[in-house]
Amino acid sequence: MALPKAYRLKSRKDFQAVFTEGIRRHGSHLTLRALRPSAKTSSSQDTAPKMPPQTERSHLPPVKIGITISTKVSKRAVVRNRIKRQIAALMYGLLPKLSPGWRLVVVVKPTAAELECGSQQFLQELEQLLAQAEVFNGHS
């Protein structure tokens, strides 16, 4: 299933911001680039009740996800599109677990084309990379 339009990273400016300012986590088949939400709480509100962070979290835009795959992975567009669809479907399944406001770019490495039906390996690697970058809910 494709990602809903509200969750897609589309513009070149957004991709460049993630690549220049974001953090990077590497796996064997994928690289995750992640840019934290720009809204930050001040340290003087540490004694405030738990309600304001929740309301601030609700004002954050949804997580935006982009997937890049170059011709180095495969010269055949069919192969590249299949991998891209697999990753998009896996990210769609992970959407409820992701914190809002993040901008993510998943870069597919050339070793990914060697996997025959590697959606399970992609899922394990994506979850590991997202956990390392602290993008899941509960990790800020």
Protein backbone atom coordinates (compact mmCIF):
# COMPACT_ATOMS: atom_id res chain seq x y z
CA MET A 1 0.00 0.00 0.00
CA ALA A 2 1.29 3.46 -0.87
CA LEU A 3 1.85 6.13 1.72
CA PRO A 4 -1.00 8.66 2.09
CA LYS A 5 -0.21 12.05 0.54
CA ALA A 6 -0.10 13.75 3.94
CA TYR A 7 2.86 11.52 4.91
CA ARG A 8 4.96 11.95 1.75
CA LEU A 9 8.11 14.03 1.53
CA LYS A 10 7.86 15.64 -1.90
CA SER A 11 9.84 18.80 -2.49
CA ARG A 12 13.53 18.97 -3.29
CA LYS A 13 13.92 21.58 -0.55
CA ASP A 14 12.61 19.15 2.08
CA PHE A 15 14.91 16.35 0.88
CA GLN A 16 17.90 18.70 0.96
CA ALA A 17 17.03 19.87 4.48
CA VAL A 18 16.95 16.27 5.71
CA PHE A 19 20.25 15.46 4.01
CA THR A 20 22.09 18.57 5.25
CA GLU A 21 20.68 18.96 8.78
CA GLY A 22 19.45 15.49 9.68
CA ILE A 23 21.05 12.58 11.46
CA ARG A 24 22.20 9.44 9.66
CA ARG A 25 21.87 5.80 10.61
CA HIS A 26 23.31 2.99 8.48
CA GLY A 27 22.20 -0.58 7.97
CA SER A 28 23.34 -3.30 5.60
CA HIS A 29 20.67 -2.62 2.95
CA LEU A 30 19.24 0.77 3.96
CA THR A 31 20.36 4.16 5.26
CA LEU A 32 17.99 6.31 7.28
CA ARG A 33 18.27 10.10 7.26
CA ALA A 34 16.07 11.76 9.89
CA LEU A 35 15.39 15.39 10.78
CA ARG A 36 13.90 16.15 14.18
CA PRO A 37 10.81 18.33 14.54
CA SER A 38 11.70 22.01 14.73
CA ALA A 39 9.37 22.84 17.65
CA LYS A 40 11.24 22.37 20.93
CA THR A 41 10.17 22.84 24.52
CA SER A 42 12.16 25.10 26.80
CA SER A 43 13.92 23.65 29.84
CA SER A 44 12.04 26.07 32.15
CA GLN A 45 8.85 24.03 31.66
CA ASP A 46 10.23 20.94 33.39
CA THR A 47 7.88 21.50 36.36
CA ALA A 48 4.82 21.97 34.13
CA PRO A 49 2.17 19.23 34.07
CA LYS A 50 2.18 16.57 31.37
CA MET A 51 -0.68 18.20 29.42
CA PRO A 52 1.25 20.90 27.47
CA PRO A 53 3.64 18.48 25.72
CA GLN A 54 0.66 16.44 24.54
CA THR A 55 -1.07 19.52 23.13
CA GLU A 56 2.18 20.65 21.55
CA ARG A 57 2.63 17.19 20.05
CA SER A 58 -0.82 17.41 18.48
CA HIS A 59 0.17 20.68 16.76
CA LEU A 60 3.16 19.06 15.07
CA PRO A 61 2.72 18.10 11.43
CA PRO A 62 2.57 14.39 10.63
CA VAL A 63 5.77 12.49 9.94
CA LYS A 64 6.95 12.95 6.33
CA ILE A 65 8.66 10.06 4.56
CA GLY A 66 10.68 9.94 1.35
CA ILE A 67 12.31 6.94 -0.31
CA THR A 68 15.26 7.24 -2.67
CA ILE A 69 16.69 4.50 -4.81
CA SER A 70 19.30 5.07 -7.50
CA THR A 71 20.15 3.18 -10.65
CA LYS A 72 23.19 1.81 -8.80
CA VAL A 73 20.76 -0.55 -7.04
CA SER A 74 19.48 -1.91 -10.35
CA LYS A 75 19.38 -0.67 -13.92
CA ARG A 76 15.87 -2.10 -14.25
CA ALA A 77 13.08 0.23 -13.16
CA VAL A 78 10.88 -2.76 -12.37
CA VAL A 79 13.28 -3.91 -9.66
CA ARG A 80 13.72 -0.40 -8.22
CA ASN A 81 9.97 0.23 -8.12
CA ARG A 82 9.29 -3.14 -6.46
CA ILE A 83 11.79 -2.36 -3.69
CA LYS A 84 10.35 1.12 -3.29
CA ARG A 85 6.80 -0.27 -3.00
CA GLN A 86 7.92 -2.83 -0.41
CA ILE A 87 9.56 -0.15 1.73
CA ALA A 88 6.56 2.19 1.39
CA ALA A 89 4.22 -0.61 2.52
CA LEU A 90 6.43 -1.35 5.53
CA MET A 91 6.58 2.35 6.47
CA TYR A 92 2.78 2.53 6.15
CA GLY A 93 2.53 -0.23 8.74
CA LEU A 94 4.94 1.59 11.05
CA LEU A 95 3.14 4.99 10.83
CA PRO A 96 1.19 4.61 14.12
CA LYS A 97 4.46 3.98 16.00
CA LEU A 98 6.28 7.06 14.63
CA SER A 99 6.46 10.37 16.47
CA PRO A 100 4.87 13.31 14.60
CA GLY A 101 6.92 16.08 13.05
CA TRP A 102 9.88 13.98 11.92
CA ARG A 103 11.07 14.10 8.30
CA LEU A 104 12.58 10.80 7.17
CA VAL A 105 14.39 9.71 4.02
CA VAL A 106 15.09 6.03 3.43
CA VAL A 107 18.03 5.53 1.06
CA VAL A 108 18.26 2.09 -0.52
CA LYS A 109 21.77 0.66 -0.91
CA PRO A 110 22.85 -1.48 -3.89
CA THR A 111 22.98 -4.60 -1.69
CA ALA A 112 19.17 -4.47 -1.40
CA ALA A 113 18.70 -5.78 -4.95
CA GLU A 114 20.33 -9.07 -3.94
CA LEU A 115 17.38 -9.94 -1.66
CA GLU A 116 14.81 -12.14 -3.38
CA CYS A 117 11.77 -11.46 -1.19
CA GLY A 118 13.41 -9.40 1.48
CA SER A 119 10.44 -7.58 2.98
CA GLN A 120 11.04 -9.26 6.34
CA GLN A 121 14.70 -8.21 6.32
CA PHE A 122 13.68 -4.69 5.28
CA LEU A 123 11.19 -4.56 8.16
CA GLN A 124 13.76 -5.68 10.74
CA GLU A 125 16.33 -3.22 9.44
CA LEU A 126 13.84 -0.33 9.29
CA GLU A 127 12.71 -0.95 12.87
CA GLN A 128 16.32 -1.12 14.03
CA LEU A 129 17.26 2.12 12.24
CA LEU A 130 14.16 3.96 13.50
CA ALA A 131 14.90 2.81 17.06
CA GLN A 132 18.52 3.98 16.79
CA ALA A 133 17.35 7.39 15.56
CA GLU A 134 14.73 7.49 18.37
CA VAL A 135 11.90 8.19 15.95
CA PHE A 136 9.41 5.81 17.61
CA ASN A 137 6.82 7.19 20.04
CA GLY A 138 8.25 7.39 23.53
CA HIS A 139 11.75 8.27 22.25
CA SER A 140 12.35 11.98 21.77
